[in-house]
N, C-alpha and C. Protein backbone atom coordinates (compact mmCIF):
# COMPACT_ATOMS: atom_id res chain seq x y z
N MET A 1 -56.84 -36.96 13.39
CA MET A 1 -56.42 -35.65 13.91
C MET A 1 -55.49 -35.81 15.11
N LYS A 2 -55.82 -36.77 15.97
CA LYS A 2 -54.98 -37.02 17.15
C LYS A 2 -53.60 -37.50 16.73
N LYS A 3 -53.56 -38.34 15.69
CA LYS A 3 -52.28 -38.86 15.22
C LYS A 3 -51.39 -37.72 14.70
N ILE A 4 -52.02 -36.80 13.96
CA ILE A 4 -51.26 -35.66 13.43
C ILE A 4 -50.73 -34.80 14.57
N PHE A 5 -51.55 -34.57 15.59
CA PHE A 5 -51.13 -33.77 16.75
C PHE A 5 -49.98 -34.45 17.49
N LYS A 6 -50.08 -35.77 17.66
CA LYS A 6 -49.01 -36.51 18.33
C LYS A 6 -47.71 -36.44 17.54
N LEU A 7 -47.84 -36.55 16.20
CA LEU A 7 -46.65 -36.50 15.35
C LEU A 7 -45.98 -35.13 15.44
N LEU A 8 -46.78 -34.07 15.40
CA LEU A 8 -46.22 -32.72 15.53
C LEU A 8 -45.56 -32.51 16.88
N SER A 9 -46.20 -33.01 17.93
CA SER A 9 -45.64 -32.90 19.28
C SER A 9 -44.31 -33.63 19.37
N PHE A 10 -44.24 -34.80 18.74
CA PHE A 10 -43.01 -35.59 18.76
C PHE A 10 -41.88 -34.86 18.04
N VAL A 11 -42.21 -34.27 16.86
CA VAL A 11 -41.20 -33.56 16.08
C VAL A 11 -40.68 -32.35 16.83
N VAL A 12 -41.61 -31.56 17.42
CA VAL A 12 -41.21 -30.37 18.18
C VAL A 12 -40.37 -30.76 19.38
N GLY A 13 -40.77 -31.81 20.09
CA GLY A 13 -40.01 -32.27 21.24
C GLY A 13 -38.63 -32.76 20.85
N PHE A 14 -38.55 -33.46 19.73
CA PHE A 14 -37.27 -33.97 19.26
C PHE A 14 -36.31 -32.84 18.92
N LEU A 15 -36.84 -31.82 18.21
CA LEU A 15 -36.01 -30.67 17.84
C LEU A 15 -35.56 -29.90 19.07
N PHE A 16 -36.43 -29.79 20.07
CA PHE A 16 -36.08 -29.07 21.29
C PHE A 16 -34.98 -29.80 22.05
N ILE A 17 -35.10 -31.12 22.14
CA ILE A 17 -34.12 -31.90 22.91
C ILE A 17 -32.75 -31.87 22.25
N PHE A 18 -32.73 -31.95 20.91
CA PHE A 18 -31.45 -32.06 20.22
C PHE A 18 -30.97 -30.73 19.64
N SER A 19 -31.64 -29.65 20.01
CA SER A 19 -31.15 -28.34 19.59
C SER A 19 -29.91 -28.00 20.40
N SER A 20 -29.10 -27.09 19.85
CA SER A 20 -27.86 -26.72 20.54
C SER A 20 -27.78 -25.22 20.66
N CYS A 21 -26.93 -24.78 21.55
CA CYS A 21 -26.68 -23.35 21.67
C CYS A 21 -25.19 -23.15 21.83
N ALA A 22 -24.75 -21.93 21.54
CA ALA A 22 -23.32 -21.64 21.63
C ALA A 22 -23.11 -20.36 22.42
N VAL A 23 -22.02 -20.32 23.18
CA VAL A 23 -21.67 -19.16 23.98
C VAL A 23 -20.28 -18.72 23.56
N HIS A 24 -20.13 -17.41 23.26
CA HIS A 24 -18.84 -16.89 22.82
C HIS A 24 -18.28 -15.97 23.90
N ASN A 25 -16.99 -16.00 24.05
CA ASN A 25 -16.31 -14.98 24.85
C ASN A 25 -14.86 -14.92 24.40
N GLY A 26 -14.21 -13.81 24.71
CA GLY A 26 -12.83 -13.66 24.29
C GLY A 26 -12.10 -12.65 25.15
N TYR A 27 -10.77 -12.64 25.05
CA TYR A 27 -9.98 -11.68 25.81
C TYR A 27 -8.62 -11.52 25.15
N MET A 28 -7.94 -10.44 25.52
CA MET A 28 -6.60 -10.18 25.02
C MET A 28 -5.59 -10.79 25.97
N ASN A 29 -4.59 -11.44 25.42
CA ASN A 29 -3.54 -12.04 26.22
C ASN A 29 -2.30 -11.15 26.18
N ASN A 30 -1.40 -11.36 27.13
CA ASN A 30 -0.15 -10.61 27.13
C ASN A 30 0.64 -10.94 25.87
N SER A 31 1.26 -9.93 25.27
CA SER A 31 2.06 -10.15 24.08
C SER A 31 3.23 -9.18 24.08
N ALA A 32 3.99 -9.17 22.99
CA ALA A 32 5.19 -8.35 22.93
C ALA A 32 4.86 -6.86 23.07
N SER A 33 5.76 -6.13 23.73
CA SER A 33 5.58 -4.69 23.90
C SER A 33 5.99 -3.97 22.62
N LEU A 34 5.12 -3.12 22.11
CA LEU A 34 5.39 -2.40 20.86
C LEU A 34 5.45 -0.91 21.11
N SER A 35 6.10 -0.52 22.19
CA SER A 35 6.14 0.88 22.58
C SER A 35 7.18 1.68 21.81
N GLN A 36 8.15 1.00 21.17
CA GLN A 36 9.19 1.70 20.43
C GLN A 36 9.08 1.40 18.95
N ALA A 37 9.59 2.32 18.14
CA ALA A 37 9.52 2.15 16.68
C ALA A 37 10.71 1.34 16.17
N ASN A 38 10.84 0.13 16.69
CA ASN A 38 11.97 -0.74 16.30
C ASN A 38 11.48 -2.07 15.76
N PHE A 39 10.34 -2.05 15.08
CA PHE A 39 9.77 -3.30 14.58
C PHE A 39 8.96 -3.03 13.32
N SER A 40 8.60 -4.11 12.64
CA SER A 40 7.69 -4.02 11.49
C SER A 40 6.79 -5.25 11.50
N TYR A 41 5.59 -5.10 10.95
CA TYR A 41 4.65 -6.22 10.88
C TYR A 41 5.01 -7.13 9.70
N VAL A 42 5.17 -8.42 9.98
CA VAL A 42 5.49 -9.41 8.96
C VAL A 42 4.21 -10.06 8.45
N ASN A 43 3.30 -10.36 9.37
CA ASN A 43 2.03 -10.99 9.02
C ASN A 43 0.99 -10.58 10.06
N THR A 44 -0.26 -10.45 9.65
CA THR A 44 -1.31 -10.04 10.58
C THR A 44 -2.48 -11.01 10.54
N ASN A 45 -3.15 -11.08 11.68
CA ASN A 45 -4.38 -11.86 11.80
C ASN A 45 -4.19 -13.34 11.46
N ILE A 46 -3.09 -13.93 11.92
CA ILE A 46 -2.92 -15.38 11.78
C ILE A 46 -3.72 -16.05 12.88
N SER A 47 -4.08 -17.32 12.71
CA SER A 47 -4.94 -17.96 13.70
C SER A 47 -4.68 -19.46 13.78
N GLY A 48 -5.09 -20.03 14.90
CA GLY A 48 -5.03 -21.47 15.11
C GLY A 48 -6.19 -21.90 15.99
N LYS A 49 -6.66 -23.14 15.83
CA LYS A 49 -7.82 -23.62 16.59
C LYS A 49 -7.51 -24.93 17.28
N ALA A 50 -8.26 -25.16 18.37
CA ALA A 50 -8.21 -26.44 19.08
C ALA A 50 -9.56 -26.64 19.77
N SER A 51 -10.01 -27.89 19.85
CA SER A 51 -11.32 -28.19 20.45
C SER A 51 -11.21 -29.36 21.42
N THR A 52 -12.17 -29.41 22.34
CA THR A 52 -12.27 -30.54 23.25
C THR A 52 -13.74 -30.90 23.43
N LEU A 53 -14.00 -32.13 23.85
CA LEU A 53 -15.37 -32.63 23.97
C LEU A 53 -15.58 -33.17 25.38
N LYS A 54 -16.69 -32.77 26.00
CA LYS A 54 -17.02 -33.26 27.34
C LYS A 54 -18.38 -33.95 27.31
N PHE A 55 -18.46 -35.07 28.03
CA PHE A 55 -19.69 -35.84 28.12
C PHE A 55 -20.18 -35.79 29.56
N LEU A 56 -21.34 -35.17 29.77
CA LEU A 56 -21.87 -34.96 31.13
C LEU A 56 -20.88 -34.18 32.00
N GLY A 57 -20.15 -33.24 31.35
CA GLY A 57 -19.20 -32.41 32.07
C GLY A 57 -17.92 -33.10 32.43
N ILE A 58 -17.71 -34.32 31.92
CA ILE A 58 -16.52 -35.10 32.27
C ILE A 58 -15.65 -35.26 31.03
N GLY A 59 -14.33 -35.22 31.26
CA GLY A 59 -13.37 -35.45 30.19
C GLY A 59 -12.96 -34.17 29.49
N GLY A 60 -12.16 -34.33 28.46
CA GLY A 60 -11.69 -33.17 27.71
C GLY A 60 -10.49 -32.51 28.33
N LEU A 61 -9.83 -31.67 27.57
CA LEU A 61 -8.65 -30.95 28.03
C LEU A 61 -9.05 -29.72 28.84
N GLY A 62 -8.14 -29.27 29.70
CA GLY A 62 -8.34 -28.03 30.43
C GLY A 62 -8.11 -26.83 29.53
N ARG A 63 -8.48 -25.66 30.01
CA ARG A 63 -8.39 -24.45 29.17
C ARG A 63 -6.95 -24.14 28.75
N ARG A 64 -6.00 -24.26 29.68
CA ARG A 64 -4.61 -23.95 29.33
C ARG A 64 -4.10 -24.88 28.24
N ALA A 65 -4.46 -26.15 28.36
CA ALA A 65 -4.02 -27.13 27.37
C ALA A 65 -4.63 -26.84 26.00
N ILE A 66 -5.90 -26.42 25.98
CA ILE A 66 -6.55 -26.11 24.70
C ILE A 66 -5.91 -24.88 24.06
N VAL A 67 -5.63 -23.85 24.88
CA VAL A 67 -4.98 -22.64 24.37
C VAL A 67 -3.60 -22.99 23.80
N SER A 68 -2.85 -23.81 24.54
CA SER A 68 -1.52 -24.22 24.09
C SER A 68 -1.59 -24.97 22.76
N GLU A 69 -2.58 -25.84 22.64
CA GLU A 69 -2.74 -26.61 21.41
C GLU A 69 -3.12 -25.70 20.23
N ALA A 70 -4.00 -24.73 20.50
CA ALA A 70 -4.40 -23.78 19.45
C ALA A 70 -3.21 -22.92 19.00
N LYS A 71 -2.38 -22.52 19.97
CA LYS A 71 -1.20 -21.72 19.65
C LYS A 71 -0.20 -22.53 18.84
N GLU A 72 -0.02 -23.80 19.21
CA GLU A 72 0.88 -24.68 18.45
C GLU A 72 0.37 -24.85 17.02
N ASN A 73 -0.94 -24.99 16.88
CA ASN A 73 -1.53 -25.11 15.55
C ASN A 73 -1.28 -23.87 14.71
N MET A 74 -1.37 -22.70 15.35
CA MET A 74 -1.13 -21.43 14.66
C MET A 74 0.33 -21.31 14.21
N LEU A 75 1.26 -21.67 15.12
CA LEU A 75 2.68 -21.55 14.81
C LEU A 75 3.15 -22.62 13.83
N MET A 76 2.45 -23.73 13.78
CA MET A 76 2.79 -24.78 12.82
C MET A 76 2.54 -24.27 11.39
N LYS A 77 1.47 -23.48 11.25
CA LYS A 77 1.14 -22.92 9.94
C LYS A 77 1.93 -21.65 9.65
N ASN A 78 2.40 -20.97 10.72
CA ASN A 78 3.13 -19.71 10.56
C ASN A 78 4.35 -19.71 11.48
N PRO A 79 5.39 -20.47 11.15
CA PRO A 79 6.57 -20.56 12.03
C PRO A 79 7.29 -19.22 12.16
N LEU A 80 7.81 -18.95 13.36
CA LEU A 80 8.53 -17.71 13.61
C LEU A 80 9.99 -17.84 13.20
N LYS A 81 10.55 -16.74 12.69
CA LYS A 81 11.96 -16.70 12.33
C LYS A 81 12.72 -15.90 13.38
N SER A 82 14.02 -15.73 13.14
CA SER A 82 14.86 -15.00 14.08
C SER A 82 14.37 -13.56 14.23
N ASN A 83 14.36 -13.05 15.45
CA ASN A 83 13.93 -11.69 15.80
C ASN A 83 12.43 -11.46 15.61
N GLN A 84 11.67 -12.53 15.42
CA GLN A 84 10.22 -12.41 15.27
C GLN A 84 9.50 -12.91 16.52
N THR A 85 8.36 -12.32 16.79
CA THR A 85 7.55 -12.74 17.94
C THR A 85 6.08 -12.43 17.66
N LEU A 86 5.22 -12.91 18.56
CA LEU A 86 3.78 -12.68 18.41
C LEU A 86 3.38 -11.41 19.15
N ALA A 87 2.44 -10.69 18.58
CA ALA A 87 1.91 -9.48 19.22
C ALA A 87 0.40 -9.42 18.99
N ASN A 88 -0.27 -8.62 19.83
CA ASN A 88 -1.73 -8.44 19.72
C ASN A 88 -2.47 -9.77 19.74
N ILE A 89 -2.10 -10.62 20.69
CA ILE A 89 -2.71 -11.95 20.78
C ILE A 89 -4.12 -11.84 21.34
N THR A 90 -5.06 -12.49 20.67
CA THR A 90 -6.45 -12.54 21.12
C THR A 90 -6.88 -14.00 21.23
N ILE A 91 -7.57 -14.32 22.32
CA ILE A 91 -8.06 -15.68 22.55
C ILE A 91 -9.58 -15.64 22.63
N ASN A 92 -10.24 -16.40 21.78
CA ASN A 92 -11.70 -16.46 21.75
C ASN A 92 -12.17 -17.89 22.02
N TRP A 93 -13.27 -17.98 22.77
CA TRP A 93 -13.85 -19.28 23.11
C TRP A 93 -15.25 -19.40 22.53
N LYS A 94 -15.57 -20.60 22.08
CA LYS A 94 -16.93 -20.90 21.65
C LYS A 94 -17.34 -22.22 22.30
N MET A 95 -18.38 -22.15 23.14
CA MET A 95 -18.87 -23.35 23.82
C MET A 95 -20.21 -23.75 23.24
N GLY A 96 -20.32 -24.98 22.81
CA GLY A 96 -21.57 -25.49 22.27
C GLY A 96 -22.15 -26.57 23.16
N PHE A 97 -23.47 -26.56 23.32
CA PHE A 97 -24.15 -27.53 24.18
C PHE A 97 -25.13 -28.36 23.34
N TYR A 98 -24.95 -29.67 23.37
CA TYR A 98 -25.82 -30.59 22.65
C TYR A 98 -26.37 -31.61 23.65
N LEU A 99 -27.44 -31.25 24.32
CA LEU A 99 -28.06 -32.11 25.31
C LEU A 99 -27.07 -32.43 26.44
N ILE A 100 -26.43 -33.57 26.41
CA ILE A 100 -25.50 -33.96 27.49
C ILE A 100 -24.04 -33.87 27.05
N VAL A 101 -23.82 -33.33 25.85
CA VAL A 101 -22.46 -33.19 25.33
C VAL A 101 -22.12 -31.71 25.20
N MET A 102 -20.88 -31.35 25.58
CA MET A 102 -20.44 -29.96 25.48
C MET A 102 -19.14 -29.91 24.68
N THR A 103 -19.07 -29.00 23.73
CA THR A 103 -17.83 -28.77 22.99
C THR A 103 -17.25 -27.42 23.39
N ASN A 104 -15.95 -27.35 23.44
CA ASN A 104 -15.25 -26.13 23.81
C ASN A 104 -14.17 -25.88 22.76
N THR A 105 -14.33 -24.83 21.96
CA THR A 105 -13.39 -24.53 20.88
C THR A 105 -12.66 -23.23 21.17
N CYS A 106 -11.35 -23.26 21.06
CA CYS A 106 -10.51 -22.08 21.31
C CYS A 106 -9.88 -21.64 20.00
N THR A 107 -9.98 -20.34 19.71
CA THR A 107 -9.33 -19.76 18.53
C THR A 107 -8.36 -18.69 18.99
N VAL A 108 -7.10 -18.85 18.63
CA VAL A 108 -6.06 -17.87 18.97
C VAL A 108 -5.68 -17.11 17.71
N THR A 109 -5.74 -15.79 17.76
CA THR A 109 -5.31 -14.95 16.64
C THR A 109 -4.20 -14.02 17.11
N ALA A 110 -3.31 -13.65 16.20
CA ALA A 110 -2.17 -12.80 16.57
C ALA A 110 -1.57 -12.17 15.33
N ASP A 111 -0.66 -11.24 15.56
CA ASP A 111 0.16 -10.65 14.49
C ASP A 111 1.61 -11.06 14.72
N ILE A 112 2.37 -11.17 13.64
CA ILE A 112 3.80 -11.47 13.75
C ILE A 112 4.57 -10.18 13.49
N VAL A 113 5.43 -9.81 14.43
CA VAL A 113 6.28 -8.63 14.25
C VAL A 113 7.74 -9.05 14.28
N GLU A 114 8.56 -8.27 13.60
CA GLU A 114 10.00 -8.54 13.56
C GLU A 114 10.73 -7.32 14.10
N PHE A 115 11.57 -7.54 15.11
CA PHE A 115 12.31 -6.44 15.73
C PHE A 115 13.63 -6.23 15.00
N TYR A 116 14.01 -4.96 14.87
CA TYR A 116 15.27 -4.62 14.21
C TYR A 116 16.41 -4.66 15.22
N LEU A 117 17.61 -4.87 14.70
CA LEU A 117 18.80 -4.68 15.53
C LEU A 117 19.01 -3.18 15.72
N ASN A 118 19.85 -2.80 16.68
CA ASN A 118 20.03 -1.38 17.00
C ASN A 118 20.44 -0.55 15.78
N ASP A 119 21.40 -1.07 14.99
CA ASP A 119 21.87 -0.34 13.82
C ASP A 119 20.77 -0.18 12.79
N GLU A 120 20.00 -1.26 12.59
CA GLU A 120 18.90 -1.21 11.63
C GLU A 120 17.85 -0.21 12.06
N ALA A 121 17.56 -0.19 13.37
CA ALA A 121 16.55 0.74 13.89
C ALA A 121 16.98 2.18 13.67
N ARG A 122 18.29 2.46 13.89
CA ARG A 122 18.79 3.81 13.69
C ARG A 122 18.69 4.23 12.22
N LYS A 123 19.02 3.27 11.33
CA LYS A 123 18.95 3.57 9.89
C LYS A 123 17.52 3.89 9.47
N ILE A 124 16.58 3.09 9.97
CA ILE A 124 15.17 3.29 9.62
C ILE A 124 14.67 4.62 10.17
N LYS A 125 15.06 4.94 11.41
CA LYS A 125 14.63 6.19 12.02
C LYS A 125 15.18 7.38 11.24
N THR A 126 16.49 7.30 10.84
CA THR A 126 17.10 8.37 10.06
C THR A 126 16.42 8.52 8.71
N SER A 127 16.10 7.37 8.09
CA SER A 127 15.43 7.38 6.78
C SER A 127 14.06 8.04 6.89
N LYS A 128 13.32 7.73 7.97
CA LYS A 128 12.00 8.32 8.17
C LYS A 128 12.10 9.83 8.37
N LEU A 129 13.13 10.27 9.13
CA LEU A 129 13.30 11.70 9.36
C LEU A 129 13.59 12.43 8.05
N LYS A 130 14.44 11.81 7.20
CA LYS A 130 14.76 12.41 5.90
C LYS A 130 13.51 12.50 5.03
N THR A 131 12.72 11.43 5.04
CA THR A 131 11.49 11.41 4.25
C THR A 131 10.52 12.50 4.70
N ASN A 132 10.39 12.64 6.04
CA ASN A 132 9.50 13.67 6.59
C ASN A 132 9.95 15.07 6.20
N LYS A 133 11.28 15.29 6.23
CA LYS A 133 11.80 16.60 5.85
C LYS A 133 11.54 16.90 4.38
N LYS A 134 11.71 15.86 3.54
CA LYS A 134 11.44 16.05 2.11
C LYS A 134 9.98 16.41 1.87
N GLU A 135 9.09 15.71 2.59
CA GLU A 135 7.66 15.99 2.45
C GLU A 135 7.32 17.40 2.90
N GLU A 136 7.95 17.84 4.01
CA GLU A 136 7.71 19.20 4.50
C GLU A 136 8.18 20.23 3.48
N ASN A 137 9.36 19.97 2.87
CA ASN A 137 9.89 20.90 1.87
C ASN A 137 8.97 20.98 0.65
N LEU A 138 8.47 19.81 0.23
CA LEU A 138 7.56 19.78 -0.92
C LEU A 138 6.27 20.53 -0.63
N ASN A 139 5.75 20.35 0.60
CA ASN A 139 4.52 21.06 0.99
C ASN A 139 4.74 22.57 1.01
N THR A 140 5.92 22.98 1.52
CA THR A 140 6.24 24.41 1.57
C THR A 140 6.35 24.99 0.17
N GLN A 141 7.03 24.22 -0.72
CA GLN A 141 7.17 24.68 -2.11
C GLN A 141 5.81 24.78 -2.79
N GLU A 142 4.93 23.82 -2.49
CA GLU A 142 3.59 23.83 -3.10
C GLU A 142 2.81 25.05 -2.65
N ILE A 143 2.89 25.36 -1.34
CA ILE A 143 2.17 26.53 -0.82
C ILE A 143 2.72 27.81 -1.43
N ASN A 144 4.06 27.88 -1.53
CA ASN A 144 4.67 29.08 -2.11
C ASN A 144 4.29 29.26 -3.57
N SER A 145 4.28 28.13 -4.31
CA SER A 145 3.92 28.21 -5.72
C SER A 145 2.46 28.62 -5.88
N ASN A 146 1.62 28.17 -4.96
CA ASN A 146 0.21 28.57 -4.99
C ASN A 146 0.07 30.08 -4.83
N LYS A 147 0.82 30.62 -3.89
CA LYS A 147 0.74 32.05 -3.62
C LYS A 147 1.26 32.87 -4.80
N GLN A 148 2.24 32.33 -5.52
CA GLN A 148 2.82 33.06 -6.63
C GLN A 148 1.94 33.01 -7.88
N LYS A 149 1.17 31.94 -8.05
CA LYS A 149 0.38 31.78 -9.27
C LYS A 149 -0.79 32.76 -9.33
N PHE A 150 -1.49 32.92 -8.22
CA PHE A 150 -2.60 33.88 -8.14
C PHE A 150 -2.40 34.76 -6.92
N LYS A 151 -2.95 35.95 -6.98
CA LYS A 151 -2.85 36.85 -5.83
C LYS A 151 -4.21 37.48 -5.58
N VAL A 152 -4.37 38.04 -4.39
CA VAL A 152 -5.63 38.69 -4.02
C VAL A 152 -5.92 39.83 -4.99
N GLY A 153 -7.13 39.89 -5.49
CA GLY A 153 -7.54 40.92 -6.43
C GLY A 153 -7.57 40.44 -7.87
N ASP A 154 -6.99 39.27 -8.15
CA ASP A 154 -7.01 38.73 -9.51
C ASP A 154 -8.42 38.35 -9.93
N LYS A 155 -8.78 38.71 -11.17
CA LYS A 155 -10.04 38.24 -11.74
C LYS A 155 -9.80 36.86 -12.34
N VAL A 156 -10.62 35.90 -11.93
CA VAL A 156 -10.39 34.52 -12.35
C VAL A 156 -11.70 33.88 -12.81
N GLN A 157 -11.51 32.81 -13.56
CA GLN A 157 -12.64 31.95 -13.94
C GLN A 157 -12.41 30.57 -13.36
N TYR A 158 -13.41 30.06 -12.66
CA TYR A 158 -13.36 28.71 -12.09
C TYR A 158 -14.30 27.82 -12.89
N LYS A 159 -13.77 26.72 -13.42
CA LYS A 159 -14.58 25.84 -14.24
C LYS A 159 -14.28 24.39 -13.88
N ASP A 160 -15.34 23.66 -13.44
CA ASP A 160 -15.20 22.23 -13.20
C ASP A 160 -16.24 21.49 -14.04
N ALA A 161 -16.49 20.25 -13.72
CA ALA A 161 -17.40 19.43 -14.53
C ALA A 161 -18.85 19.85 -14.39
N PHE A 162 -19.15 20.67 -13.35
CA PHE A 162 -20.55 20.99 -13.07
C PHE A 162 -20.92 22.45 -13.30
N ARG A 163 -19.94 23.35 -13.21
CA ARG A 163 -20.30 24.77 -13.30
C ARG A 163 -19.11 25.60 -13.75
N THR A 164 -19.42 26.81 -14.19
CA THR A 164 -18.40 27.80 -14.55
C THR A 164 -18.78 29.11 -13.88
N ILE A 165 -17.85 29.68 -13.13
CA ILE A 165 -18.13 30.95 -12.46
C ILE A 165 -16.97 31.91 -12.70
N LYS A 166 -17.28 33.20 -12.65
CA LYS A 166 -16.27 34.24 -12.76
C LYS A 166 -16.32 35.09 -11.50
N GLY A 167 -15.14 35.38 -10.97
CA GLY A 167 -15.10 36.15 -9.74
C GLY A 167 -13.74 36.74 -9.47
N ILE A 168 -13.53 37.13 -8.22
CA ILE A 168 -12.28 37.77 -7.81
C ILE A 168 -11.71 37.02 -6.61
N VAL A 169 -10.39 36.81 -6.62
CA VAL A 169 -9.72 36.19 -5.48
C VAL A 169 -9.69 37.20 -4.34
N ILE A 170 -10.36 36.88 -3.24
CA ILE A 170 -10.42 37.82 -2.12
C ILE A 170 -9.54 37.39 -0.94
N LYS A 171 -9.09 36.13 -0.98
CA LYS A 171 -8.29 35.65 0.14
C LYS A 171 -7.51 34.40 -0.29
N ILE A 172 -6.26 34.28 0.21
CA ILE A 172 -5.45 33.08 -0.01
C ILE A 172 -4.99 32.60 1.36
N GLU A 173 -5.31 31.38 1.66
CA GLU A 173 -4.97 30.80 2.97
C GLU A 173 -4.30 29.45 2.75
N GLY A 174 -2.96 29.43 2.83
CA GLY A 174 -2.24 28.20 2.54
C GLY A 174 -2.41 27.84 1.08
N LYS A 175 -2.97 26.66 0.82
CA LYS A 175 -3.21 26.24 -0.57
C LYS A 175 -4.65 26.50 -1.02
N PHE A 176 -5.44 27.13 -0.17
CA PHE A 176 -6.84 27.39 -0.49
C PHE A 176 -7.03 28.81 -1.05
N TYR A 177 -7.89 28.90 -2.06
CA TYR A 177 -8.27 30.18 -2.65
C TYR A 177 -9.73 30.47 -2.34
N TYR A 178 -10.03 31.70 -1.99
CA TYR A 178 -11.40 32.14 -1.75
C TYR A 178 -11.79 33.07 -2.89
N ILE A 179 -12.78 32.65 -3.67
CA ILE A 179 -13.20 33.41 -4.85
C ILE A 179 -14.61 33.96 -4.62
N LYS A 180 -14.74 35.29 -4.72
CA LYS A 180 -16.03 35.94 -4.55
C LYS A 180 -16.69 36.08 -5.92
N TYR A 181 -17.96 35.67 -6.00
CA TYR A 181 -18.67 35.72 -7.28
C TYR A 181 -20.16 35.93 -7.04
N GLU A 182 -20.90 36.19 -8.14
CA GLU A 182 -22.35 36.33 -8.07
C GLU A 182 -23.00 35.16 -8.78
N ASN A 183 -24.04 34.59 -8.15
CA ASN A 183 -24.74 33.48 -8.80
C ASN A 183 -25.76 34.01 -9.80
N SER A 184 -26.54 33.13 -10.40
CA SER A 184 -27.50 33.53 -11.45
C SER A 184 -28.58 34.48 -10.94
N ARG A 185 -28.78 34.51 -9.62
CA ARG A 185 -29.79 35.39 -9.03
C ARG A 185 -29.21 36.73 -8.59
N GLY A 186 -27.91 36.91 -8.83
CA GLY A 186 -27.26 38.15 -8.44
C GLY A 186 -26.84 38.20 -6.98
N ILE A 187 -26.85 37.05 -6.31
CA ILE A 187 -26.46 36.98 -4.90
C ILE A 187 -24.97 36.69 -4.80
N GLU A 188 -24.27 37.49 -3.98
CA GLU A 188 -22.84 37.30 -3.81
C GLU A 188 -22.56 36.05 -2.97
N LYS A 189 -21.60 35.27 -3.44
CA LYS A 189 -21.20 34.06 -2.72
C LYS A 189 -19.68 33.94 -2.76
N THR A 190 -19.15 33.05 -1.91
CA THR A 190 -17.71 32.82 -1.86
C THR A 190 -17.43 31.34 -2.06
N LEU A 191 -16.53 31.04 -2.97
CA LEU A 191 -16.12 29.66 -3.25
C LEU A 191 -14.74 29.42 -2.66
N LYS A 192 -14.61 28.33 -1.91
CA LYS A 192 -13.32 27.94 -1.36
C LYS A 192 -12.82 26.72 -2.13
N THR A 193 -11.62 26.82 -2.70
CA THR A 193 -11.09 25.71 -3.50
C THR A 193 -9.57 25.68 -3.45
N TYR A 194 -9.01 24.51 -3.72
CA TYR A 194 -7.56 24.39 -3.85
C TYR A 194 -7.19 23.79 -5.21
N GLU A 195 -8.17 23.60 -6.07
CA GLU A 195 -7.94 22.99 -7.38
C GLU A 195 -7.47 24.06 -8.38
N GLU A 196 -6.16 24.25 -8.48
CA GLU A 196 -5.61 25.27 -9.38
C GLU A 196 -5.89 24.97 -10.85
N ILE A 197 -5.98 23.69 -11.19
CA ILE A 197 -6.16 23.32 -12.60
C ILE A 197 -7.49 23.82 -13.15
N TRP A 198 -8.42 24.16 -12.25
CA TRP A 198 -9.73 24.64 -12.68
C TRP A 198 -9.85 26.16 -12.62
N ILE A 199 -8.74 26.83 -12.28
CA ILE A 199 -8.75 28.29 -12.17
C ILE A 199 -7.83 28.88 -13.22
N LYS A 200 -8.27 29.97 -13.85
CA LYS A 200 -7.39 30.70 -14.77
C LYS A 200 -7.71 32.19 -14.69
N LYS A 201 -6.69 33.00 -14.95
CA LYS A 201 -6.87 34.45 -14.91
C LYS A 201 -7.67 34.91 -16.12
N ILE A 202 -8.46 35.95 -15.89
CA ILE A 202 -9.20 36.58 -16.99
C ILE A 202 -9.03 38.09 -16.88
N ASN A 203 -9.30 38.79 -17.96
CA ASN A 203 -9.19 40.26 -17.96
C ASN A 203 -10.52 40.90 -17.56
């Protein structure tokens, strides 16, 4: 019995001594300013890593050197082209402790953005404005067509996959129709819907 107890004590002590723990922390680093709409994302969430090892707190690279090495590793896998730069840079640290040995691992993540030349930026801005105007016109046409298809006072039938009801259009608000109807218990209710394909006029 004593031998078994000693063996268990030895195993527990061994695991305790050689167990490790890790500490994480991170922060955002300065990166390119994205305050104007003159860029586009080329790649997102790219990353690079670098590690150092210390024995009794001695040796290993300093933090700046580790960050620089991690950044170089990231750019080696994702080289930048003309007019491209890094944005949204994040630096994360993971420190592991193994008795008298400490590891320090740095992970740098970032996005790659590409800035347009002035002429390109103007073209893109003009294109976006035209697209927005087209969308506004389509929305206006859709609302107008909705108003023309049904009007207040029309008797309609609404039928979807779950129910069929008959009622009267009592209100039209934009693309929404308000249909007043009675349920199976004779209680008046109002249905709000914009699904025209499920509505048809009845006599």
